[in-house]
Amino acid sequence: MLPDRVIERFRDFKKAFFRLKEASELEDNSDILVDAVIQRFEFTFELSWKFMKSYLEYEGIEGAASPRSTIRLAFKQGLITDGDDWITMMLDRNRTSHVYDEKLALEIFNNIKTRHIKLLNMLVVKFETILS
């Protein structure tokens, strides 16, 4: 049985993911929606890597100190299947601090809707299986 802290982090991540998914499925591409989806993405990504870090630590796997190292270890351990795509998602997360550039904001918004949601969903499904 996983410790309460790991389960709590998973629940927080899962809740944030479904809020992101809900916003990303809206057909409106207004500036407000783009901003909201990007904000929810930032929050969800942070929760995802911190959750994976907690799980890896519980499993006794050391070295998960940053998003990049956590993604690498999660890939190595089979928690995620698309390590390169997760790195791309991390890079998009890092670029969100520059979303005052409308073109960049739309690019990240489209990546969230077409790529990142799928990766995050796969993580939810993987851990729903582990926890059941």
Protein backbone atom coordinates (compact mmCIF):
# COMPACT_ATOMS: atom_id res chain seq x y z
CA MET A 1 0.00 0.00 0.00
CA LEU A 2 1.31 3.41 -0.95
CA PRO A 3 1.84 5.97 1.80
CA ASP A 4 -0.84 8.62 2.28
CA ARG A 5 1.44 11.40 0.98
CA VAL A 6 1.94 9.67 -2.39
CA ILE A 7 -1.78 8.95 -2.70
CA GLU A 8 -2.58 12.56 -1.80
CA ARG A 9 -0.19 13.84 -4.45
CA PHE A 10 -1.79 11.54 -7.02
CA ARG A 11 -5.26 12.80 -6.12
CA ASP A 12 -4.15 16.42 -6.39
CA PHE A 13 -2.54 15.72 -9.77
CA LYS A 14 -5.59 13.82 -11.01
CA LYS A 15 -7.98 16.61 -9.97
CA ALA A 16 -5.81 19.24 -11.69
CA PHE A 17 -5.56 17.06 -14.80
CA PHE A 18 -9.33 16.73 -15.14
CA ARG A 19 -9.75 20.49 -14.73
CA LEU A 20 -7.15 21.03 -17.46
CA LYS A 21 -8.82 18.46 -19.69
CA GLU A 22 -12.20 20.10 -19.17
CA ALA A 23 -10.86 23.52 -20.20
CA SER A 24 -8.90 22.12 -23.14
CA GLU A 25 -12.02 20.52 -24.60
CA LEU A 26 -13.87 23.83 -24.91
CA GLU A 27 -14.18 25.00 -28.50
CA ASP A 28 -13.63 28.65 -27.67
CA ASN A 29 -10.11 29.88 -28.50
CA SER A 30 -10.47 33.28 -26.89
CA ASP A 31 -7.49 34.88 -25.21
CA ILE A 32 -9.05 34.19 -21.83
CA LEU A 33 -9.41 30.47 -22.55
CA VAL A 34 -5.86 30.23 -23.92
CA ASP A 35 -4.58 31.89 -20.74
CA ALA A 36 -6.70 29.62 -18.54
CA VAL A 37 -5.57 26.42 -20.27
CA ILE A 38 -1.93 27.47 -20.05
CA GLN A 39 -2.32 28.32 -16.35
CA ARG A 40 -3.98 24.98 -15.63
CA PHE A 41 -1.26 23.23 -17.64
CA GLU A 42 1.48 24.88 -15.58
CA PHE A 43 -0.16 23.74 -12.37
CA THR A 44 -0.90 20.22 -13.64
CA PHE A 45 2.61 19.68 -14.96
CA GLU A 46 4.13 20.74 -11.63
CA LEU A 47 1.87 18.32 -9.78
CA SER A 48 2.65 15.50 -12.23
CA TRP A 49 6.42 15.56 -11.84
CA LYS A 50 6.23 16.11 -8.07
CA PHE A 51 3.87 13.15 -7.79
CA MET A 52 6.22 10.96 -9.84
CA LYS A 53 9.13 12.13 -7.68
CA SER A 54 7.26 11.10 -4.52
CA TYR A 55 6.42 7.71 -5.98
CA LEU A 56 10.01 7.10 -7.10
CA GLU A 57 11.28 8.04 -3.63
CA TYR A 58 8.78 5.64 -2.06
CA GLU A 59 10.13 2.92 -4.36
CA GLY A 60 13.66 3.72 -3.11
CA ILE A 61 14.81 5.23 -6.40
CA GLU A 62 17.12 8.16 -5.81
CA GLY A 63 18.08 11.00 -8.09
CA ALA A 64 14.71 12.56 -8.86
CA ALA A 65 15.60 16.12 -7.92
CA SER A 66 14.29 18.16 -10.83
CA PRO A 67 11.59 17.76 -13.46
CA ARG A 68 14.13 16.53 -16.03
CA SER A 69 15.74 13.94 -13.73
CA THR A 70 12.32 12.79 -12.53
CA ILE A 71 11.10 12.33 -16.10
CA ARG A 72 14.23 10.35 -17.00
CA LEU A 73 13.86 8.08 -13.97
CA ALA A 74 10.10 7.67 -14.51
CA PHE A 75 10.79 6.61 -18.09
CA LYS A 76 13.53 4.22 -17.00
CA GLN A 77 11.17 2.67 -14.43
CA GLY A 78 8.32 2.34 -16.95
CA LEU A 79 6.01 4.85 -15.29
CA ILE A 80 5.82 6.81 -18.54
CA THR A 81 6.40 5.49 -22.05
CA ASP A 82 7.30 8.63 -23.99
CA GLY A 83 10.31 10.17 -22.28
CA ASP A 84 11.17 12.50 -25.16
CA ASP A 85 7.59 13.78 -25.37
CA TRP A 86 7.61 14.41 -21.61
CA ILE A 87 10.81 16.42 -22.02
CA THR A 88 9.07 18.43 -24.76
CA MET A 89 6.17 18.99 -22.38
CA MET A 90 8.60 20.16 -19.69
CA LEU A 91 10.18 22.58 -22.17
CA ASP A 92 6.73 23.96 -23.03
CA ARG A 93 6.08 24.40 -19.32
CA ASN A 94 9.34 26.33 -19.03
CA ARG A 95 8.36 28.50 -21.98
CA THR A 96 5.05 29.49 -20.39
CA SER A 97 6.81 32.27 -18.51
CA HIS A 98 7.14 33.95 -21.91
CA VAL A 99 3.49 33.74 -22.93
CA TYR A 100 3.28 37.49 -23.43
CA ASP A 101 4.21 36.46 -26.99
CA GLU A 102 0.83 35.64 -28.52
CA LYS A 103 2.28 33.33 -31.18
CA LEU A 104 4.16 31.34 -28.53
CA ALA A 105 1.07 31.20 -26.32
CA LEU A 106 -1.00 29.73 -29.16
CA GLU A 107 1.73 27.21 -30.00
CA ILE A 108 1.86 26.00 -26.38
CA PHE A 109 -1.96 26.01 -26.18
CA ASN A 110 -2.15 23.78 -29.27
CA ASN A 111 0.56 21.46 -27.92
CA ILE A 112 -1.39 21.11 -24.69
CA LYS A 113 -4.58 20.21 -26.55
CA THR A 114 -3.01 17.85 -29.08
CA ARG A 115 -0.07 16.25 -27.24
CA HIS A 116 0.33 16.99 -23.56
CA ILE A 117 -3.20 16.04 -22.50
CA LYS A 118 -2.62 12.54 -23.88
CA LEU A 119 0.63 12.09 -21.94
CA LEU A 120 -0.89 13.32 -18.70
CA ASN A 121 -3.91 11.08 -19.22
CA MET A 122 -1.62 8.07 -19.70
CA LEU A 123 -0.02 8.85 -16.33
CA VAL A 124 -3.44 8.99 -14.66
CA VAL A 125 -4.43 5.65 -16.22
CA LYS A 126 -1.12 4.04 -15.24
CA PHE A 127 -1.50 4.98 -11.59
CA GLU A 128 -5.20 4.16 -11.46
CA THR A 129 -4.06 0.65 -12.41
CA ILE A 130 -1.30 0.63 -9.79
CA LEU A 131 -3.66 1.84 -7.06
CA SER A 132 -6.44 -0.64 -7.87
